[in-house]
């Protein structure tokens, strides 16, 4: 999963572009210091999701639309993992929507946890 996420991050951050070849399994094994099976599992998951594709005898490449697909997936995950739990906790605490919005605005400006 970590290998998969690292490649996804490179695509989202535009370190790897559409139709660009990703590093070979051998290079990733050397760089991440993991075995070939680990790399293969990560890349196979990405192929199953249509994020990368394989050209037989050439290598693996970033699929067209991969960045947009990953961003959409991460946006949904962000809502599920952060927004919904935050709203549920805010409801338990009786926090108003305006109060939450003020906290977000202060947090954006300060970069710290002290509001």
Protein backbone atom coordinates (compact mmCIF):
# COMPACT_ATOMS: atom_id res chain seq x y z
CA UNK A 1 0.00 0.00 0.00
CA UNK A 2 2.85 2.39 0.77
CA UNK A 3 4.40 1.87 -2.67
CA UNK A 4 1.00 2.41 -4.28
CA UNK A 5 0.51 5.63 -2.29
CA UNK A 6 4.00 6.91 -3.14
CA UNK A 7 3.35 6.48 -6.86
CA UNK A 8 -0.09 8.07 -6.47
CA UNK A 9 1.50 11.05 -4.69
CA UNK A 10 3.99 11.45 -7.55
CA UNK A 11 1.11 11.51 -10.04
CA UNK A 12 -0.99 13.97 -8.01
CA UNK A 13 2.07 16.21 -7.46
CA UNK A 14 2.87 16.04 -11.19
CA UNK A 15 6.23 14.39 -10.67
CA UNK A 16 4.87 11.72 -13.01
CA UNK A 17 2.72 12.90 -15.93
CA UNK A 18 0.18 11.14 -18.14
CA UNK A 19 1.77 8.60 -20.49
CA UNK A 20 5.13 9.03 -18.72
CA UNK A 21 6.99 5.86 -17.82
CA UNK A 22 7.21 5.12 -14.12
CA UNK A 23 10.48 3.76 -12.68
CA UNK A 24 11.13 0.10 -13.33
CA UNK A 25 10.45 -2.50 -10.67
CA UNK A 26 14.21 -2.99 -10.28
CA UNK A 27 14.80 0.74 -9.70
CA UNK A 28 11.97 0.89 -7.16
CA UNK A 29 13.34 -2.20 -5.36
CA UNK A 30 16.73 -0.48 -5.04
CA UNK A 31 15.26 2.90 -4.07
CA UNK A 32 12.68 1.73 -1.50
CA UNK A 33 14.75 -1.23 -0.26
CA UNK A 34 11.87 -3.71 -0.55
CA UNK A 35 11.47 -6.92 -2.51
CA UNK A 36 10.04 -7.30 -6.01
CA UNK A 37 6.81 -8.85 -4.73
CA UNK A 38 6.03 -5.72 -2.69
CA UNK A 39 6.57 -3.48 -5.70
CA UNK A 40 4.52 -5.80 -7.92
CA UNK A 41 1.61 -5.77 -5.48
CA UNK A 42 1.59 -1.98 -5.40
CA UNK A 43 1.80 -1.58 -9.16
CA UNK A 44 -0.81 -4.29 -9.75
CA UNK A 45 -3.26 -2.41 -7.54
CA UNK A 46 -2.62 0.73 -9.60
CA UNK A 47 -3.14 -1.19 -12.83
CA UNK A 48 -6.40 -2.66 -11.50
CA UNK A 49 -7.61 0.87 -10.75
CA UNK A 50 -6.60 2.13 -14.21
CA UNK A 51 -4.00 4.53 -12.80
CA UNK A 52 -1.09 2.97 -14.67
CA UNK A 53 -0.86 0.63 -17.64
CA UNK A 54 1.78 -1.79 -18.85
CA UNK A 55 3.36 -1.93 -22.28
CA UNK A 56 4.69 -5.44 -22.68
CA UNK A 57 8.48 -5.42 -22.89
CA UNK A 58 8.68 -1.65 -22.38
CA UNK A 59 7.46 -0.84 -18.87
CA UNK A 60 4.64 0.79 -16.95
CA UNK A 61 3.17 4.19 -17.72
CA UNK A 62 0.80 6.70 -16.12
CA UNK A 63 -2.65 6.30 -17.63
CA UNK A 64 -4.46 9.26 -19.23
CA UNK A 65 -6.77 10.87 -16.66
CA UNK A 66 -4.92 9.25 -13.74
CA UNK A 67 -4.38 12.50 -11.84
CA UNK A 68 -8.04 13.49 -12.07
CA UNK A 69 -9.12 9.98 -11.02
CA UNK A 70 -6.80 10.09 -7.99
CA UNK A 71 -7.91 13.57 -6.96
CA UNK A 72 -11.56 12.57 -7.12
CA UNK A 73 -10.86 9.43 -5.08
CA UNK A 74 -8.92 11.44 -2.49
CA UNK A 75 -11.64 14.08 -2.26
CA UNK A 76 -14.19 11.39 -1.38
CA UNK A 77 -11.76 9.87 1.11
CA UNK A 78 -11.17 13.32 2.65
CA UNK A 79 -14.90 13.76 3.23
CA UNK A 80 -15.28 10.27 4.71
CA UNK A 81 -12.11 10.35 6.83
CA UNK A 82 -12.07 13.96 8.05
CA UNK A 83 -15.18 16.01 7.33
CA UNK A 84 -17.85 13.54 8.45
CA UNK A 85 -16.10 12.61 11.73
CA UNK A 86 -15.49 16.32 12.41
CA UNK A 87 -19.15 17.17 11.82
CA UNK A 88 -20.29 14.29 14.02
CA UNK A 89 -18.03 15.44 16.85
CA UNK A 90 -19.08 19.07 16.38
CA UNK A 91 -22.73 18.02 16.70
CA UNK A 92 -21.96 16.16 19.95
CA UNK A 93 -20.24 19.28 21.29
CA UNK A 94 -23.00 21.62 20.12
CA UNK A 95 -20.68 23.64 17.89
CA UNK A 96 -22.36 25.87 15.32
CA UNK A 97 -21.50 25.86 11.63
CA UNK A 98 -20.28 29.46 11.97
CA UNK A 99 -17.99 28.50 14.85
CA UNK A 100 -16.48 25.66 12.79
CA UNK A 101 -16.00 27.97 9.79
CA UNK A 102 -14.24 30.51 12.04
CA UNK A 103 -11.93 27.79 13.33
CA UNK A 104 -11.10 26.74 9.78
CA UNK A 105 -10.36 30.34 8.76
CA UNK A 106 -8.12 30.86 11.80
CA UNK A 107 -6.39 27.54 11.17
CA UNK A 108 -5.68 28.40 7.54
CA UNK A 109 -3.99 31.61 8.58
CA UNK A 110 -2.04 30.49 11.61
CA UNK A 111 -0.62 27.11 10.64
CA UNK A 112 -0.79 26.07 14.29
CA UNK A 113 -3.24 24.29 16.53
CA UNK A 114 -3.70 27.33 18.75
CA UNK A 115 -6.84 29.17 17.80
